[in-house]
PDB file of N, CA and C in Angstrom:
ATOM      1  N   MET A   1     151.128 113.474  88.880  1.00  0.00           N
ATOM      2  CA  MET A   1     150.873 114.378  87.963  1.00  0.00           C
ATOM      3  C   MET A   1     149.868 114.190  86.958  1.00  0.00           C
ATOM      4  N   TYR A   2     150.362 112.864  86.739  1.00  0.00           N
ATOM      5  CA  TYR A   2     149.352 112.579  85.564  1.00  0.00           C
ATOM      6  C   TYR A   2     148.445 112.465  85.583  1.00  0.00           C
ATOM      7  N   ARG A   3     147.798 111.999  86.880  1.00  0.00           N
ATOM      8  CA  ARG A   3     145.998 112.054  87.427  1.00  0.00           C
ATOM      9  C   ARG A   3     145.809 113.495  87.763  1.00  0.00           C
ATOM     10  N   PHE A   4     146.439 114.611  88.183  1.00  0.00           N
ATOM     11  CA  PHE A   4     145.898 115.636  88.176  1.00  0.00           C
ATOM     12  C   PHE A   4     145.863 116.451  86.670  1.00  0.00           C
ATOM     13  N   ALA A   5     146.485 116.282  85.745  1.00  0.00           N
ATOM     14  CA  ALA A   5     146.592 116.727  84.585  1.00  0.00           C
ATOM     15  C   ALA A   5     145.670 116.580  83.871  1.00  0.00           C
ATOM     16  N   LYS A   6     145.196 114.926  84.085  1.00  0.00           N
ATOM     17  CA  LYS A   6     144.345 114.265  83.047  1.00  0.00           C
ATOM     18  C   LYS A   6     142.545 114.409  83.923  1.00  0.00           C
ATOM     19  N   SER A   7     142.967 114.978  84.738  1.00  0.00           N
ATOM     20  CA  SER A   7     141.416 115.371  85.613  1.00  0.00           C
ATOM     21  C   SER A   7     140.928 116.956  85.039  1.00  0.00           C
ATOM     22  N   ALA A   8     142.501 117.231  85.741  1.00  0.00           N
ATOM     23  CA  ALA A   8     142.142 119.275  84.627  1.00  0.00           C
ATOM     24  C   ALA A   8     141.591 119.319  83.162  1.00  0.00           C
ATOM     25  N   VAL A   9     142.227 118.424  82.641  1.00  0.00           N
ATOM     26  CA  VAL A   9     141.400 118.454  81.253  1.00  0.00           C
ATOM     27  C   VAL A   9     140.331 118.106  80.910  1.00  0.00           C
ATOM     28  N   ASN A  10     140.041 116.684  81.841  1.00  0.00           N
ATOM     29  CA  ASN A  10     138.310 116.268  81.849  1.00  0.00           C
ATOM     30  C   ASN A  10     137.563 117.312  82.343  1.00  0.00           C
ATOM     31  N   ILE A  11     137.922 118.176  83.197  1.00  0.00           N
ATOM     32  CA  ILE A  11     136.817 119.000  84.036  1.00  0.00           C
ATOM     33  C   ILE A  11     136.960 120.423  82.876  1.00  0.00           C
ATOM     34  N   SER A  12     137.982 120.641  82.464  1.00  0.00           N
ATOM     35  CA  SER A  12     137.775 122.021  81.036  1.00  0.00           C
ATOM     36  C   SER A  12     137.080 121.158  79.979  1.00  0.00           C
ATOM     37  N   SER A  13     136.963 119.491  79.795  1.00  0.00           N
ATOM     38  CA  SER A  13     136.482 119.490  78.611  1.00  0.00           C
ATOM     39  C   SER A  13     134.835 119.449  78.974  1.00  0.00           C
ATOM     40  N   GLN A  14     134.223 119.131  79.973  1.00  0.00           N
ATOM     41  CA  GLN A  14     133.140 119.167  80.541  1.00  0.00           C
ATOM     42  C   GLN A  14     132.573 120.882  80.583  1.00  0.00           C
ATOM     43  N   ALA A  15     133.415 121.795  80.923  1.00  0.00           N
ATOM     44  CA  ALA A  15     132.550 123.175  81.179  1.00  0.00           C
ATOM     45  C   ALA A  15     132.321 123.685  79.648  1.00  0.00           C
ATOM     46  N   ALA A  16     133.508 123.125  78.542  1.00  0.00           N
ATOM     47  CA  ALA A  16     132.942 123.799  77.323  1.00  0.00           C
ATOM     48  C   ALA A  16     132.122 123.156  77.082  1.00  0.00           C
ATOM     49  N   ARG A  17     131.843 121.532  77.358  1.00  0.00           N
ATOM     50  CA  ARG A  17     130.039 120.928  76.952  1.00  0.00           C
ATOM     51  C   ARG A  17     129.335 121.812  77.468  1.00  0.00           C
ATOM     52  N   GLN A  18     129.589 122.114  78.471  1.00  0.00           N
ATOM     53  CA  GLN A  18     128.255 122.569  79.576  1.00  0.00           C
ATOM     54  C   GLN A  18     127.739 123.843  78.660  1.00  0.00           C
ATOM     55  N   VAL A  19     129.289 124.658  78.228  1.00  0.00           N
ATOM     56  CA  VAL A  19     128.648 125.746  77.669  1.00  0.00           C
ATOM     57  C   VAL A  19     127.687 125.694  76.412  1.00  0.00           C
ATOM     58  N   ARG A  20     128.329 124.695  75.300  1.00  0.00           N
ATOM     59  CA  ARG A  20     127.954 124.469  74.172  1.00  0.00           C
ATOM     60  C   ARG A  20     126.685 123.705  74.172  1.00  0.00           C
ATOM     61  N   HIS A  21     126.504 123.559  75.142  1.00  0.00           N
ATOM     62  CA  HIS A  21     124.855 122.579  75.173  1.00  0.00           C
ATOM     63  C   HIS A  21     123.836 123.235  76.157  1.00  0.00           C
ATOM     64  N   GLY A  22     123.955 124.028  76.856  1.00  0.00           N
ATOM     65  CA  GLY A  22     123.722 125.280  77.754  1.00  0.00           C
ATOM     66  C   GLY A  22     124.092 124.835  79.097  1.00  0.00           C
ATOM     67  N   SER A  23     123.988 125.598  79.854  1.00  0.00           N
ATOM     68  CA  SER A  23     124.634 125.270  81.147  1.00  0.00           C
ATOM     69  C   SER A  23     123.249 124.803  82.392  1.00  0.00           C
ATOM     70  N   SER A  24     123.591 124.729  83.207  1.00  0.00           N
ATOM     71  CA  SER A  24     122.580 124.711  84.354  1.00  0.00           C
ATOM     72  C   SER A  24     121.723 125.908  84.832  1.00  0.00           C
ATOM     73  N   ALA A  25     121.761 126.789  84.422  1.00  0.00           N
ATOM     74  CA  ALA A  25     121.449 128.070  84.626  1.00  0.00           C
ATOM     75  C   ALA A  25     120.393 128.158  83.428  1.00  0.00           C
ATOM     76  N   PRO A  26     119.039 128.641  83.978  1.00  0.00           N
ATOM     77  CA  PRO A  26     118.006 128.797  82.850  1.00  0.00           C
ATOM     78  C   PRO A  26     118.570 129.897  81.574  1.00  0.00           C
ATOM     79  N   GLN A  27     117.965 129.387  80.431  1.00  0.00           N
ATOM     80  CA  GLN A  27     118.455 130.373  79.544  1.00  0.00           C
ATOM     81  C   GLN A  27     118.390 131.964  79.531  1.00  0.00           C
ATOM     82  N   ASP A  28     117.164 132.139  80.403  1.00  0.00           N
ATOM     83  CA  ASP A  28     116.102 133.114  80.274  1.00  0.00           C
ATOM     84  C   ASP A  28     116.146 134.357  81.350  1.00  0.00           C
ATOM     85  N   PHE A  29     117.597 134.016  82.178  1.00  0.00           N
ATOM     86  CA  PHE A  29     118.001 134.531  83.091  1.00  0.00           C
ATOM     87  C   PHE A  29     117.645 136.214  83.073  1.00  0.00           C
ATOM     88  N   HIS A  30     118.930 136.375  81.794  1.00  0.00           N
ATOM     89  CA  HIS A  30     119.269 137.926  81.458  1.00  0.00           C
ATOM     90  C   HIS A  30     117.765 138.754  81.134  1.00  0.00           C
ATOM     91  N   HIS A  31     116.999 137.699  80.242  1.00  0.00           N
ATOM     92  CA  HIS A  31     115.449 138.310  80.062  1.00  0.00           C
ATOM     93  C   HIS A  31     114.452 138.728  81.121  1.00  0.00           C
ATOM     94  N   LYS A  32     114.479 137.897  82.289  1.00  0.00           N
ATOM     95  CA  LYS A  32     114.091 138.128  83.189  1.00  0.00           C
ATOM     96  C   LYS A  32     114.722 139.310  84.258  1.00  0.00           C
ATOM     97  N   TYR A  33     115.801 139.059  84.568  1.00  0.00           N
ATOM     98  CA  TYR A  33     116.316 140.089  85.754  1.00  0.00           C
ATOM     99  C   TYR A  33     117.141 141.219  85.246  1.00  0.00           C
ATOM    100  N   GLY A  34     117.853 141.288  83.872  1.00  0.00           N
ATOM    101  CA  GLY A  34     118.404 142.228  83.548  1.00  0.00           C
ATOM    102  C   GLY A  34     118.568 143.415  83.486  1.00  0.00           C
ATOM    103  N   THR A  35     116.810 143.783  83.487  1.00  0.00           N
ATOM    104  CA  THR A  35     116.856 145.300  83.509  1.00  0.00           C
ATOM    105  C   THR A  35     116.808 145.474  85.057  1.00  0.00           C
ATOM    106  N   GLY A  36     116.149 144.724  85.900  1.00  0.00           N
ATOM    107  CA  GLY A  36     116.431 144.828  87.370  1.00  0.00           C
ATOM    108  C   GLY A  36     117.739 144.839  88.075  1.00  0.00           C
ATOM    109  N   VAL A  37     118.509 144.526  87.103  1.00  0.00           N
ATOM    110  CA  VAL A  37     120.318 144.332  87.838  1.00  0.00           C
ATOM    111  C   VAL A  37     120.473 145.587  87.332  1.00  0.00           C
ATOM    112  N   MET A  38     120.448 145.892  85.760  1.00  0.00           N
ATOM    113  CA  MET A  38     120.864 147.318  85.744  1.00  0.00           C
ATOM    114  C   MET A  38     120.407 148.381  86.529  1.00  0.00           C
ATOM    115  N   VAL A  39     118.954 148.441  86.635  1.00  0.00           N
ATOM    116  CA  VAL A  39     118.277 149.622  87.387  1.00  0.00           C
ATOM    117  C   VAL A  39     119.141 149.212  88.919  1.00  0.00           C
ATOM    118  N   GLY A  40     119.061 148.633  89.566  1.00  0.00           N
ATOM    119  CA  GLY A  40     119.577 148.270  90.691  1.00  0.00           C
ATOM    120  C   GLY A  40     121.004 148.618  90.931  1.00  0.00           C
ATOM    121  N   GLY A  41     121.838 148.638  90.066  1.00  0.00           N
ATOM    122  CA  GLY A  41     123.217 148.871  89.730  1.00  0.00           C
ATOM    123  C   GLY A  41     123.402 150.461  89.919  1.00  0.00           C
ATOM    124  N   ALA A  42     122.732 151.018  88.917  1.00  0.00           N
ATOM    125  CA  ALA A  42     122.488 152.546  88.732  1.00  0.00           C
ATOM    126  C   ALA A  42     122.193 153.200  89.490  1.00  0.00           C
ATOM    127  N   VAL A  43     121.153 152.694  90.557  1.00  0.00           N
ATOM    128  CA  VAL A  43     120.632 153.164  92.044  1.00  0.00           C
ATOM    129  C   VAL A  43     121.693 153.273  92.991  1.00  0.00           C
ATOM    130  N   PHE A  44     122.384 152.216  93.008  1.00  0.00           N
ATOM    131  CA  PHE A  44     123.203 152.101  93.978  1.00  0.00           C
ATOM    132  C   PHE A  44     124.422 152.849  93.806  1.00  0.00           C
ATOM    133  N   CYS A  45     124.821 153.241  92.594  1.00  0.00           N
ATOM    134  CA  CYS A  45     126.100 153.746  91.878  1.00  0.00           C
ATOM    135  C   CYS A  45     125.869 155.260  92.023  1.00  0.00           C
ATOM    136  N   THR A  46     124.380 155.625  91.832  1.00  0.00           N
ATOM    137  CA  THR A  46     124.108 156.846  92.220  1.00  0.00           C
ATOM    138  C   THR A  46     124.167 157.498  93.748  1.00  0.00           C
ATOM    139  N   ALA A  47     123.790 156.302  94.459  1.00  0.00           N
ATOM    140  CA  ALA A  47     123.714 156.811  95.742  1.00  0.00           C
ATOM    141  C   ALA A  47     125.074 156.693  96.221  1.00  0.00           C
ATOM    142  N   ILE A  48     125.840 156.221  95.837  1.00  0.00           N
ATOM    143  CA  ILE A  48     127.228 156.060  96.560  1.00  0.00           C
ATOM    144  C   ILE A  48     128.081 157.438  96.318  1.00  0.00           C
ATOM    145  N   TRP A  49     127.716 157.560  95.103  1.00  0.00           N
ATOM    146  CA  TRP A  49     128.568 158.928  94.328  1.00  0.00           C
ATOM    147  C   TRP A  49     127.644 160.285  95.294  1.00  0.00           C
ATOM    148  N   SER A  50     126.552 160.196  95.211  1.00  0.00           N
ATOM    149  CA  SER A  50     126.013 161.283  96.041  1.00  0.00           C
ATOM    150  C   SER A  50     126.306 161.566  97.770  1.00  0.00           C
ATOM    151  N   TYR A  51     126.474 160.228  98.066  1.00  0.00           N
ATOM    152  CA  TYR A  51     126.959 160.176  99.133  1.00  0.00           C
ATOM    153  C   TYR A  51     128.551 161.008  99.491  1.00  0.00           C
ATOM    154  N   VAL A  52     129.381 160.399  98.623  1.00  0.00           N
ATOM    155  CA  VAL A  52     130.992 161.243  98.681  1.00  0.00           C
ATOM    156  C   VAL A  52     130.961 162.817  98.239  1.00  0.00           C
ATOM    157  N   LEU A  53     130.015 163.050  97.316  1.00  0.00           N
ATOM    158  CA  LEU A  53     129.868 164.201  96.855  1.00  0.00           C
ATOM    159  C   LEU A  53     129.651 165.266  97.950  1.00  0.00           C
ATOM    160  N   THR A  54     128.436 164.871  98.723  1.00  0.00           N
ATOM    161  CA  THR A  54     127.845 165.739  99.411  1.00  0.00           C
ATOM    162  C   THR A  54     128.541 165.580 101.264  1.00  0.00           C
ATOM    163  N   GLN A  55     128.544 164.353 101.390  1.00  0.00           N
ATOM    164  CA  GLN A  55     128.896 164.114 103.187  1.00  0.00           C
ATOM    165  C   GLN A  55     130.191 164.120 103.564  1.00  0.00           C
ATOM    166  N   THR A  56     131.520 163.793 102.689  1.00  0.00           N
ATOM    167  CA  THR A  56     132.359 163.192 103.229  1.00  0.00           C
ATOM    168  C   THR A  56     133.485 164.278 103.442  1.00  0.00           C
ATOM    169  N   GLY A  57     133.414 165.681 102.912  1.00  0.00           N
ATOM    170  CA  GLY A  57     133.904 167.010 103.130  1.00  0.00           C
ATOM    171  C   GLY A  57     135.376 166.941 102.032  1.00  0.00           C
ATOM    172  N   ILE A  58     135.561 166.280 101.462  1.00  0.00           N
ATOM    173  CA  ILE A  58     136.576 166.239 100.252  1.00  0.00           C
ATOM    174  C   ILE A  58     136.384 167.549  99.606  1.00  0.00           C
ATOM    175  N   THR A  59     137.517 168.185  99.554  1.00  0.00           N
ATOM    176  CA  THR A  59     137.676 169.790  98.981  1.00  0.00           C
ATOM    177  C   THR A  59     137.614 169.575  97.520  1.00  0.00           C
ATOM    178  N   TRP A  60     137.261 169.854  96.410  1.00  0.00           N
ATOM    179  CA  TRP A  60     137.178 169.189  95.598  1.00  0.00           C
ATOM    180  C   TRP A  60     138.060 170.252  94.197  1.00  0.00           C
ATOM    181  N   ASN A  61     138.950 170.996  94.573  1.00  0.00           N
ATOM    182  CA  ASN A  61     139.803 171.730  93.685  1.00  0.00           C
ATOM    183  C   ASN A  61     139.304 171.678  92.682  1.00  0.00           C
ATOM    184  N   LEU A  62     138.139 172.002  91.830  1.00  0.00           N
ATOM    185  CA  LEU A  62     137.955 171.602  90.306  1.00  0.00           C
ATOM    186  C   LEU A  62     138.816 172.586  89.705  1.00  0.00           C
ATOM    187  N   SER A  63     139.108 174.065  89.986  1.00  0.00           N
ATOM    188  CA  SER A  63     139.799 175.167  89.122  1.00  0.00           C
ATOM    189  C   SER A  63     140.819 175.609  89.893  1.00  0.00           C
ATOM    190  N   PRO A  64     141.925 175.704  89.438  1.00  0.00           N
ATOM    191  CA  PRO A  64     143.170 176.496  90.347  1.00  0.00           C
ATOM    192  C   PRO A  64     142.881 177.933  89.787  1.00  0.00           C
ATOM    193  N   ILE A  65     142.277 178.445  88.693  1.00  0.00           N
ATOM    194  CA  ILE A  65     142.069 179.745  88.637  1.00  0.00           C
ATOM    195  C   ILE A  65     141.796 180.329  89.691  1.00  0.00           C
ATOM    196  N   GLY A  66     142.489 181.660  90.039  1.00  0.00           N
ATOM    197  CA  GLY A  66     142.161 182.496  90.954  1.00  0.00           C
ATOM    198  C   GLY A  66     142.519 182.065  92.697  1.00  0.00           C
ATOM    199  N   LYS A  67     142.899 180.857  92.624  1.00  0.00           N
ATOM    200  CA  LYS A  67     143.060 180.521  93.819  1.00  0.00           C
ATOM    201  C   LYS A  67     144.493 180.296  94.002  1.00  0.00           C
ATOM    202  N   VAL A  68     145.385 180.320  93.062  1.00  0.00           N
ATOM    203  CA  VAL A  68     146.675 180.053  93.198  1.00  0.00           C
ATOM    204  C   VAL A  68     147.558 181.143  92.986  1.00  0.00           C
ATOM    205  N   MET A  69     148.467 181.566  93.588  1.00  0.00           N
ATOM    206  CA  MET A  69     148.837 182.781  93.735  1.00  0.00           C
ATOM    207  C   MET A  69     150.295 182.602  93.599  1.00  0.00           C
ATOM    208  N   PRO A  70     151.396 183.381  92.795  1.00  0.00           N
ATOM    209  CA  PRO A  70     152.397 183.569  92.629  1.00  0.00           C
ATOM    210  C   PRO A  70     153.311 183.695  93.754  1.00  0.00           C
ATOM    211  N   LYS A  71     154.509 182.889  93.781  1.00  0.00           N
ATOM    212  CA  LYS A  71     155.347 183.594  95.116  1.00  0.00           C
ATOM    213  C   LYS A  71     156.557 184.512  94.566  1.00  0.00           C
ATOM    214  N   GLN A  72     156.593 185.313  95.561  1.00  0.00           N
ATOM    215  CA  GLN A  72     157.831 186.728  95.369  1.00  0.00           C
ATOM    216  C   GLN A  72     158.981 185.737  94.707  1.00  0.00           C
ATOM    217  N   TRP A  73     159.315 186.503  94.040  1.00  0.00           N
ATOM    218  CA  TRP A  73     161.114 186.278  93.473  1.00  0.00           C
ATOM    219  C   TRP A  73     161.823 186.839  95.043  1.00  0.00           C
ATOM    220  N   ARG A  74     162.629 185.831  94.874  1.00  0.00           N
ATOM    221  CA  ARG A  74     163.871 186.069  96.009  1.00  0.00           C
ATOM    222  C   ARG A  74     164.979 186.709  95.343  1.00  0.00           C
ATOM    223  N   GLU A  75     165.427 187.760  95.504  1.00  0.00           N
ATOM    224  CA  GLU A  75     166.502 188.358  95.373  1.00  0.00           C
ATOM    225  C   GLU A  75     167.823 187.836  95.462  1.00  0.00           C
ATOM    226  N   ALA A  76     168.795 187.520  94.462  1.00  0.00           N
ATOM    227  CA  ALA A  76     169.828 186.808  94.318  1.00  0.00           C
ATOM    228  C   ALA A  76     170.740 187.342  95.393  1.00  0.00           C
ATOM    229  N   GLU A  77     171.262 186.271  95.998  1.00  0.00           N
ATOM    230  CA  GLU A  77     172.435 186.796  97.276  1.00  0.00           C
ATOM    231  C   GLU A  77     173.559 186.766  96.782  1.00  0.00           C
ATOM    232  N   GLU A  78     174.103 187.925  97.399  1.00  0.00           N
ATOM    233  CA  GLU A  78     175.147 188.084  96.737  1.00  0.00           C
ATOM    234  C   GLU A  78     176.583 187.784  97.686  1.00  0.00           C
TER     235      GLU A  78
END
């Protein structure tokens, strides 16, 4: 158990050092690809919701006004 705990602490300290001193990923990743990833995500989201709204046949009951009719009162049984 001691070796496991020691290795876990060692791994976490190595990860902290990588974050502080720069990781193995290039620092300009977001600058190079950030806009493309955001636009791709927006296009994907729009395409999926367009499909869901138009092709799935879901009835979207947005407003109950004029659609819900009250039930008739039942007479009290005596």
